[in-house]
């Protein structure tokens, strides 16, 4: 959100054309602001509403899967492979493990 290109070029490696670049950067900045709000909600859940941690893991898993799906049906040409391209697969596996742990831990806390 705070990069001049919204991270689209500097992080994701998108080749941003001159025509329509401001619209692309606007959307990336919106996504960044949504991520900040989402992170704030996650911190609130961690510190105040711990019983919602499994729900947050489910949301994380679905969000990652949907992002991967959108990338599959609407492919973009990148200058280099974005950091999340391979990390998404690892993250989903780890998130499923964390979901299982959070469910078991929540049951023991009750």
C-alpha atoms as a PDB file:
ATOM      1  CA  UNK A   1       0.000   0.000   0.000  1.00  0.00           C
ATOM      2  CA  UNK A   2       2.851   2.382   0.790  1.00  0.00           C
ATOM      3  CA  UNK A   3       5.068   1.615  -2.231  1.00  0.00           C
ATOM      4  CA  UNK A   4       4.718   4.044  -5.113  1.00  0.00           C
ATOM      5  CA  UNK A   5       3.668   1.146  -7.351  1.00  0.00           C
ATOM      6  CA  UNK A   6       1.546  -0.489  -4.665  1.00  0.00           C
ATOM      7  CA  UNK A   7       3.939  -3.425  -4.751  1.00  0.00           C
ATOM      8  CA  UNK A   8       2.648  -4.505  -8.154  1.00  0.00           C
ATOM      9  CA  UNK A   9       5.988  -3.987  -9.886  1.00  0.00           C
ATOM     10  CA  UNK A  10       8.508  -3.903  -7.041  1.00  0.00           C
ATOM     11  CA  UNK A  11       7.200  -6.986  -5.202  1.00  0.00           C
ATOM     12  CA  UNK A  12       5.034  -8.955  -7.638  1.00  0.00           C
ATOM     13  CA  UNK A  13       7.070  -8.123 -10.740  1.00  0.00           C
ATOM     14  CA  UNK A  14       4.127  -6.962 -12.849  1.00  0.00           C
ATOM     15  CA  UNK A  15       4.941  -5.082 -16.030  1.00  0.00           C
ATOM     16  CA  UNK A  16       2.684  -2.097 -15.518  1.00  0.00           C
ATOM     17  CA  UNK A  17       1.768  -0.382 -18.807  1.00  0.00           C
ATOM     18  CA  UNK A  18       1.485   3.370 -19.036  1.00  0.00           C
ATOM     19  CA  UNK A  19      -2.167   3.194 -20.062  1.00  0.00           C
ATOM     20  CA  UNK A  20      -4.219   2.005 -17.113  1.00  0.00           C
ATOM     21  CA  UNK A  21      -1.292   1.999 -14.676  1.00  0.00           C
ATOM     22  CA  UNK A  22      -3.035   4.312 -12.222  1.00  0.00           C
ATOM     23  CA  UNK A  23      -6.040   1.981 -12.094  1.00  0.00           C
ATOM     24  CA  UNK A  24      -3.809  -1.041 -11.452  1.00  0.00           C
ATOM     25  CA  UNK A  25      -1.945   0.792  -8.702  1.00  0.00           C
ATOM     26  CA  UNK A  26      -5.235   1.930  -7.187  1.00  0.00           C
ATOM     27  CA  UNK A  27      -6.484  -1.656  -6.956  1.00  0.00           C
ATOM     28  CA  UNK A  28      -3.208  -2.851  -5.425  1.00  0.00           C
ATOM     29  CA  UNK A  29      -3.369  -0.051  -2.838  1.00  0.00           C
ATOM     30  CA  UNK A  30      -6.958  -1.047  -2.019  1.00  0.00           C
ATOM     31  CA  UNK A  31      -5.830  -4.640  -1.546  1.00  0.00           C
ATOM     32  CA  UNK A  32      -3.064  -3.396   0.767  1.00  0.00           C
ATOM     33  CA  UNK A  33      -5.522  -1.408   2.863  1.00  0.00           C
ATOM     34  CA  UNK A  34      -7.810  -4.442   3.103  1.00  0.00           C
ATOM     35  CA  UNK A  35      -4.840  -6.518   4.273  1.00  0.00           C
ATOM     36  CA  UNK A  36      -4.092  -3.978   7.010  1.00  0.00           C
ATOM     37  CA  UNK A  37      -7.699  -4.113   8.246  1.00  0.00           C
ATOM     38  CA  UNK A  38      -7.614  -7.912   8.090  1.00  0.00           C
ATOM     39  CA  UNK A  39      -4.373  -7.977  10.113  1.00  0.00           C
ATOM     40  CA  UNK A  40      -5.944  -5.720  12.756  1.00  0.00           C
ATOM     41  CA  UNK A  41      -8.908  -8.085  13.047  1.00  0.00           C
ATOM     42  CA  UNK A  42      -6.510 -11.022  13.391  1.00  0.00           C
ATOM     43  CA  UNK A  43      -4.666  -9.319  16.241  1.00  0.00           C
ATOM     44  CA  UNK A  44      -7.970  -8.588  17.992  1.00  0.00           C
ATOM     45  CA  UNK A  45      -8.940 -12.261  17.659  1.00  0.00           C
ATOM     46  CA  UNK A  46      -5.560 -13.395  18.995  1.00  0.00           C
ATOM     47  CA  UNK A  47      -5.692 -11.147  22.065  1.00  0.00           C
ATOM     48  CA  UNK A  48      -9.408 -10.907  22.830  1.00  0.00           C
ATOM     49  CA  UNK A  49     -11.495 -13.561  21.058  1.00  0.00           C
ATOM     50  CA  UNK A  50      -9.286 -16.663  21.058  1.00  0.00           C
ATOM     51  CA  UNK A  51     -12.232 -18.966  20.383  1.00  0.00           C
ATOM     52  CA  UNK A  52     -12.417 -17.434  16.877  1.00  0.00           C
ATOM     53  CA  UNK A  53      -8.868 -18.502  15.951  1.00  0.00           C
ATOM     54  CA  UNK A  54     -10.073 -21.625  14.058  1.00  0.00           C
ATOM     55  CA  UNK A  55     -12.474 -19.441  12.056  1.00  0.00           C
ATOM     56  CA  UNK A  56      -9.618 -17.082  11.176  1.00  0.00           C
ATOM     57  CA  UNK A  57      -7.557 -20.039   9.899  1.00  0.00           C
ATOM     58  CA  UNK A  58     -10.493 -21.160   7.758  1.00  0.00           C
ATOM     59  CA  UNK A  59     -10.799 -17.650   6.324  1.00  0.00           C
ATOM     60  CA  UNK A  60      -7.042 -17.603   5.630  1.00  0.00           C
ATOM     61  CA  UNK A  61      -7.228 -20.932   3.802  1.00  0.00           C
ATOM     62  CA  UNK A  62     -10.179 -19.876   1.644  1.00  0.00           C
ATOM     63  CA  UNK A  63      -8.607 -16.494   0.886  1.00  0.00           C
ATOM     64  CA  UNK A  64      -5.400 -18.174  -0.290  1.00  0.00           C
ATOM     65  CA  UNK A  65      -7.273 -20.723  -2.379  1.00  0.00           C
ATOM     66  CA  UNK A  66      -9.422 -18.031  -3.985  1.00  0.00           C
ATOM     67  CA  UNK A  67      -6.356 -15.903  -4.774  1.00  0.00           C
ATOM     68  CA  UNK A  68      -4.719 -18.916  -6.423  1.00  0.00           C
ATOM     69  CA  UNK A  69      -7.935 -19.644  -8.343  1.00  0.00           C
ATOM     70  CA  UNK A  70      -8.185 -16.069  -9.614  1.00  0.00           C
ATOM     71  CA  UNK A  71      -4.536 -16.227 -10.662  1.00  0.00           C
ATOM     72  CA  UNK A  72      -5.338 -19.396 -12.591  1.00  0.00           C
ATOM     73  CA  UNK A  73      -8.428 -18.097 -14.415  1.00  0.00           C
ATOM     74  CA  UNK A  74      -7.045 -14.574 -14.981  1.00  0.00           C
ATOM     75  CA  UNK A  75      -3.307 -15.051 -15.527  1.00  0.00           C
ATOM     76  CA  UNK A  76      -0.958 -12.074 -15.564  1.00  0.00           C
ATOM     77  CA  UNK A  77       2.483 -11.787 -17.148  1.00  0.00           C
ATOM     78  CA  UNK A  78       5.127 -11.070 -14.525  1.00  0.00           C
ATOM     79  CA  UNK A  79       8.739  -9.954 -14.997  1.00  0.00           C
ATOM     80  CA  UNK A  80       9.694 -12.539 -12.381  1.00  0.00           C
ATOM     81  CA  UNK A  81       7.881 -15.110 -10.287  1.00  0.00           C
ATOM     82  CA  UNK A  82       6.067 -13.311  -7.436  1.00  0.00           C
ATOM     83  CA  UNK A  83       7.073 -14.363  -3.905  1.00  0.00           C
ATOM     84  CA  UNK A  84       3.659 -15.848  -3.197  1.00  0.00           C
ATOM     85  CA  UNK A  85       3.563 -18.117  -6.236  1.00  0.00           C
ATOM     86  CA  UNK A  86       5.200 -21.044  -4.474  1.00  0.00           C
ATOM     87  CA  UNK A  87       4.713 -19.930  -0.910  1.00  0.00           C
ATOM     88  CA  UNK A  88       0.930 -20.210  -1.243  1.00  0.00           C
ATOM     89  CA  UNK A  89       1.173 -23.999  -1.445  1.00  0.00           C
ATOM     90  CA  UNK A  90       3.372 -24.176   1.649  1.00  0.00           C
ATOM     91  CA  UNK A  91       1.153 -21.678   3.454  1.00  0.00           C
ATOM     92  CA  UNK A  92      -2.023 -23.662   2.808  1.00  0.00           C
ATOM     93  CA  UNK A  93      -0.430 -26.819   4.243  1.00  0.00           C
ATOM     94  CA  UNK A  94       0.796 -24.916   7.297  1.00  0.00           C
ATOM     95  CA  UNK A  95      -2.579 -23.200   7.703  1.00  0.00           C
ATOM     96  CA  UNK A  96      -4.355 -26.580   7.654  1.00  0.00           C
ATOM     97  CA  UNK A  97      -1.970 -27.832  10.349  1.00  0.00           C
ATOM     98  CA  UNK A  98      -2.553 -24.676  12.409  1.00  0.00           C
ATOM     99  CA  UNK A  99      -6.315 -25.065  11.953  1.00  0.00           C
ATOM    100  CA  UNK A 100      -6.141 -28.613  13.319  1.00  0.00           C
ATOM    101  CA  UNK A 101      -4.002 -27.474  16.263  1.00  0.00           C
ATOM    102  CA  UNK A 102      -6.327 -24.559  17.007  1.00  0.00           C
ATOM    103  CA  UNK A 103      -9.372 -26.844  16.989  1.00  0.00           C
ATOM    104  CA  UNK A 104      -7.725 -29.327  19.345  1.00  0.00           C
ATOM    105  CA  UNK A 105      -6.466 -26.529  21.612  1.00  0.00           C
ATOM    106  CA  UNK A 106      -9.893 -24.857  21.684  1.00  0.00           C
ATOM    107  CA  UNK A 107     -11.505 -28.171  22.729  1.00  0.00           C
ATOM    108  CA  UNK A 108      -9.040 -28.550  25.607  1.00  0.00           C
ATOM    109  CA  UNK A 109      -9.664 -24.985  26.798  1.00  0.00           C
ATOM    110  CA  UNK A 110     -13.430 -25.574  27.083  1.00  0.00           C
END
